[in-house]
Amino acid sequence: MPSTFTISDLANEFDITTRSIRFYEEKGLLNPRREGQTRLYGAADRTKLKLILRGKRLGFTLDESRSIIEMYDPDKDNLDQLQTLLAKVREKRQQLTQQLHDIEIMMLDLRDAEEKCLEAMTGKFNQQKQV
């Protein structure tokens, strides 16, 4: 694996736009070095981008991902980072469980409303036939 990557390399690898990568750079999450107009990203930037995108898929905000990524220290066991990540995963799972429950209730309410509309329409149709 190469030790440096261009913005196009990363965009192609992760199937995202170069604009997305520049956005993460503007937010201070990625710090490429520059050679003229060319941005060169190192292995650490590639790993951070991978973690940012994983956090996004998991439903984390950019600030949540940033705080977890910034906790990493290669000289420590990173237990605090792992505990924070675990807490965020559990929190997100709870939120999704609640949303799923809310959606199930909404589906029941919609089904009930649909049935009442159909019954009302059938009743009006039968009344019109009788007249």
C-alpha atoms as a PDB file:
ATOM      1  CA  MET A   1       0.000   0.000   0.000  1.00  0.00           C
ATOM      2  CA  PRO A   2       1.376   3.446  -0.848  1.00  0.00           C
ATOM      3  CA  SER A   3       2.387   5.799   1.943  1.00  0.00           C
ATOM      4  CA  THR A   4       0.708   8.844   0.382  1.00  0.00           C
ATOM      5  CA  PHE A   5      -2.564   9.329  -1.426  1.00  0.00           C
ATOM      6  CA  THR A   6      -3.955  12.076  -3.613  1.00  0.00           C
ATOM      7  CA  ILE A   7      -7.431  13.417  -3.066  1.00  0.00           C
ATOM      8  CA  SER A   8      -8.540  11.483  -6.167  1.00  0.00           C
ATOM      9  CA  ASP A   9      -7.040   8.261  -4.803  1.00  0.00           C
ATOM     10  CA  LEU A  10      -9.082   8.582  -1.604  1.00  0.00           C
ATOM     11  CA  ALA A  11     -12.232   9.698  -3.392  1.00  0.00           C
ATOM     12  CA  ASN A  12     -12.059   6.666  -5.689  1.00  0.00           C
ATOM     13  CA  GLU A  13     -11.178   4.221  -2.916  1.00  0.00           C
ATOM     14  CA  PHE A  14     -14.037   5.301  -0.644  1.00  0.00           C
ATOM     15  CA  ASP A  15     -16.488   6.202  -3.430  1.00  0.00           C
ATOM     16  CA  ILE A  16     -17.000   9.754  -2.223  1.00  0.00           C
ATOM     17  CA  THR A  17     -16.490  13.128  -3.853  1.00  0.00           C
ATOM     18  CA  THR A  18     -13.344  15.175  -3.590  1.00  0.00           C
ATOM     19  CA  ARG A  19     -15.595  17.914  -2.209  1.00  0.00           C
ATOM     20  CA  SER A  20     -16.433  15.653   0.763  1.00  0.00           C
ATOM     21  CA  ILE A  21     -12.748  15.140   1.459  1.00  0.00           C
ATOM     22  CA  ARG A  22     -12.092  18.892   1.261  1.00  0.00           C
ATOM     23  CA  PHE A  23     -15.009  19.416   3.675  1.00  0.00           C
ATOM     24  CA  TYR A  24     -13.400  17.073   6.223  1.00  0.00           C
ATOM     25  CA  GLU A  25     -10.131  18.917   5.680  1.00  0.00           C
ATOM     26  CA  GLU A  26     -11.852  22.289   6.300  1.00  0.00           C
ATOM     27  CA  LYS A  27     -13.254  20.870   9.539  1.00  0.00           C
ATOM     28  CA  GLY A  28      -9.719  20.008  10.646  1.00  0.00           C
ATOM     29  CA  LEU A  29     -10.189  16.242  10.532  1.00  0.00           C
ATOM     30  CA  LEU A  30      -7.710  15.640   7.712  1.00  0.00           C
ATOM     31  CA  ASN A  31      -4.349  17.364   7.356  1.00  0.00           C
ATOM     32  CA  PRO A  32      -2.702  16.694   4.018  1.00  0.00           C
ATOM     33  CA  ARG A  33       0.668  18.097   3.170  1.00  0.00           C
ATOM     34  CA  ARG A  34       0.921  20.109  -0.007  1.00  0.00           C
ATOM     35  CA  GLU A  35       3.244  19.895  -2.941  1.00  0.00           C
ATOM     36  CA  GLY A  36       2.285  22.910  -5.004  1.00  0.00           C
ATOM     37  CA  GLN A  37      -1.448  22.593  -5.641  1.00  0.00           C
ATOM     38  CA  THR A  38      -1.473  18.856  -4.912  1.00  0.00           C
ATOM     39  CA  ARG A  39      -2.764  17.565  -1.595  1.00  0.00           C
ATOM     40  CA  LEU A  40      -0.951  14.492  -0.343  1.00  0.00           C
ATOM     41  CA  TYR A  41      -2.659  12.518   2.387  1.00  0.00           C
ATOM     42  CA  GLY A  42      -0.787  10.120   4.617  1.00  0.00           C
ATOM     43  CA  ALA A  43      -1.818   6.747   6.031  1.00  0.00           C
ATOM     44  CA  ALA A  44      -3.161   8.435   9.181  1.00  0.00           C
ATOM     45  CA  ASP A  45      -5.433  10.676   7.076  1.00  0.00           C
ATOM     46  CA  ARG A  46      -6.650   7.638   5.149  1.00  0.00           C
ATOM     47  CA  THR A  47      -7.448   5.835   8.412  1.00  0.00           C
ATOM     48  CA  LYS A  48      -9.229   8.911   9.801  1.00  0.00           C
ATOM     49  CA  LEU A  49     -11.304   9.190   6.622  1.00  0.00           C
ATOM     50  CA  LYS A  50     -12.227   5.532   6.904  1.00  0.00           C
ATOM     51  CA  LEU A  51     -13.308   6.073  10.530  1.00  0.00           C
ATOM     52  CA  ILE A  52     -15.260   9.230   9.656  1.00  0.00           C
ATOM     53  CA  LEU A  53     -17.171   7.365   6.962  1.00  0.00           C
ATOM     54  CA  ARG A  54     -17.796   4.408   9.272  1.00  0.00           C
ATOM     55  CA  GLY A  55     -19.126   6.800  11.917  1.00  0.00           C
ATOM     56  CA  LYS A  56     -21.386   8.369   9.319  1.00  0.00           C
ATOM     57  CA  ARG A  57     -22.779   4.941   8.372  1.00  0.00           C
ATOM     58  CA  LEU A  58     -23.414   4.262  12.059  1.00  0.00           C
ATOM     59  CA  GLY A  59     -25.343   7.524  12.338  1.00  0.00           C
ATOM     60  CA  PHE A  60     -22.766   9.452  14.348  1.00  0.00           C
ATOM     61  CA  THR A  61     -22.506  13.189  13.926  1.00  0.00           C
ATOM     62  CA  LEU A  62     -19.243  14.570  12.652  1.00  0.00           C
ATOM     63  CA  ASP A  63     -18.517  15.973  16.114  1.00  0.00           C
ATOM     64  CA  GLU A  64     -19.136  12.564  17.696  1.00  0.00           C
ATOM     65  CA  SER A  65     -16.762  10.924  15.219  1.00  0.00           C
ATOM     66  CA  ARG A  66     -14.195  13.653  15.774  1.00  0.00           C
ATOM     67  CA  SER A  67     -14.252  13.255  19.548  1.00  0.00           C
ATOM     68  CA  ILE A  68     -13.781   9.498  19.305  1.00  0.00           C
ATOM     69  CA  ILE A  69     -11.021   9.760  16.693  1.00  0.00           C
ATOM     70  CA  GLU A  70      -9.181  12.420  18.691  1.00  0.00           C
ATOM     71  CA  MET A  71      -9.130  10.152  21.758  1.00  0.00           C
ATOM     72  CA  TYR A  72      -6.778   7.744  19.968  1.00  0.00           C
ATOM     73  CA  ASP A  73      -3.271   7.606  21.381  1.00  0.00           C
ATOM     74  CA  PRO A  74      -0.906   5.044  19.841  1.00  0.00           C
ATOM     75  CA  ASP A  75       1.092   4.946  23.078  1.00  0.00           C
ATOM     76  CA  LYS A  76      -1.862   3.896  25.259  1.00  0.00           C
ATOM     77  CA  ASP A  77      -4.387   1.072  25.445  1.00  0.00           C
ATOM     78  CA  ASN A  78      -7.196   3.416  24.291  1.00  0.00           C
ATOM     79  CA  LEU A  79      -9.644   1.912  26.752  1.00  0.00           C
ATOM     80  CA  ASP A  80     -11.343   5.320  27.178  1.00  0.00           C
ATOM     81  CA  GLN A  81     -11.780   5.589  23.412  1.00  0.00           C
ATOM     82  CA  LEU A  82     -13.279   2.099  23.200  1.00  0.00           C
ATOM     83  CA  GLN A  83     -15.625   2.750  26.133  1.00  0.00           C
ATOM     84  CA  THR A  84     -16.788   6.008  24.539  1.00  0.00           C
ATOM     85  CA  LEU A  85     -17.357   4.264  21.215  1.00  0.00           C
ATOM     86  CA  LEU A  86     -19.276   1.467  22.933  1.00  0.00           C
ATOM     87  CA  ALA A  87     -21.482   4.004  24.741  1.00  0.00           C
ATOM     88  CA  LYS A  88     -22.192   5.822  21.456  1.00  0.00           C
ATOM     89  CA  VAL A  89     -23.038   2.546  19.700  1.00  0.00           C
ATOM     90  CA  ARG A  90     -25.443   1.598  22.477  1.00  0.00           C
ATOM     91  CA  GLU A  91     -26.992   5.070  22.462  1.00  0.00           C
ATOM     92  CA  LYS A  92     -27.467   4.935  18.678  1.00  0.00           C
ATOM     93  CA  ARG A  93     -28.952   1.442  18.909  1.00  0.00           C
ATOM     94  CA  GLN A  94     -31.439   2.663  21.543  1.00  0.00           C
ATOM     95  CA  GLN A  95     -32.415   5.612  19.338  1.00  0.00           C
ATOM     96  CA  LEU A  96     -32.975   3.323  16.360  1.00  0.00           C
ATOM     97  CA  THR A  97     -34.993   0.884  18.465  1.00  0.00           C
ATOM     98  CA  GLN A  98     -37.227   3.757  19.581  1.00  0.00           C
ATOM     99  CA  GLN A  99     -37.578   5.002  15.998  1.00  0.00           C
ATOM    100  CA  LEU A 100     -38.486   1.501  14.838  1.00  0.00           C
ATOM    101  CA  HIS A 101     -41.145   1.284  17.551  1.00  0.00           C
ATOM    102  CA  ASP A 102     -42.499   4.708  16.545  1.00  0.00           C
ATOM    103  CA  ILE A 103     -42.625   3.644  12.885  1.00  0.00           C
ATOM    104  CA  GLU A 104     -44.490   0.433  13.773  1.00  0.00           C
ATOM    105  CA  ILE A 105     -47.106   2.450  15.670  1.00  0.00           C
ATOM    106  CA  MET A 106     -47.389   4.907  12.802  1.00  0.00           C
ATOM    107  CA  MET A 107     -47.884   2.025  10.354  1.00  0.00           C
ATOM    108  CA  LEU A 108     -50.739   0.700  12.503  1.00  0.00           C
ATOM    109  CA  ASP A 109     -52.306   4.174  12.656  1.00  0.00           C
ATOM    110  CA  LEU A 110     -52.027   4.528   8.881  1.00  0.00           C
ATOM    111  CA  ARG A 111     -53.568   1.102   8.320  1.00  0.00           C
ATOM    112  CA  ASP A 112     -56.447   2.043  10.642  1.00  0.00           C
ATOM    113  CA  ALA A 113     -56.995   5.373   8.853  1.00  0.00           C
ATOM    114  CA  GLU A 114     -56.919   3.611   5.482  1.00  0.00           C
ATOM    115  CA  GLU A 115     -59.508   1.049   6.605  1.00  0.00           C
ATOM    116  CA  LYS A 116     -61.798   3.774   7.955  1.00  0.00           C
ATOM    117  CA  CYS A 117     -61.531   5.708   4.698  1.00  0.00           C
ATOM    118  CA  LEU A 118     -62.358   2.599   2.682  1.00  0.00           C
ATOM    119  CA  GLU A 119     -65.310   1.780   4.954  1.00  0.00           C
ATOM    120  CA  ALA A 120     -66.605   5.342   4.640  1.00  0.00           C
ATOM    121  CA  MET A 121     -66.225   5.252   0.875  1.00  0.00           C
ATOM    122  CA  THR A 122     -67.967   1.866   0.648  1.00  0.00           C
ATOM    123  CA  GLY A 123     -70.811   3.169   2.827  1.00  0.00           C
ATOM    124  CA  LYS A 124     -71.268   6.258   0.653  1.00  0.00           C
ATOM    125  CA  PHE A 125     -71.094   4.153  -2.517  1.00  0.00           C
ATOM    126  CA  ASN A 126     -73.804   1.823  -1.189  1.00  0.00           C
ATOM    127  CA  GLN A 127     -75.979   4.815  -0.191  1.00  0.00           C
ATOM    128  CA  GLN A 128     -75.698   6.266  -3.685  1.00  0.00           C
ATOM    129  CA  LYS A 129     -76.702   2.937  -5.270  1.00  0.00           C
ATOM    130  CA  GLN A 130     -79.806   2.805  -3.105  1.00  0.00           C
ATOM    131  CA  VAL A 131     -81.021   6.271  -4.186  1.00  0.00           C
END
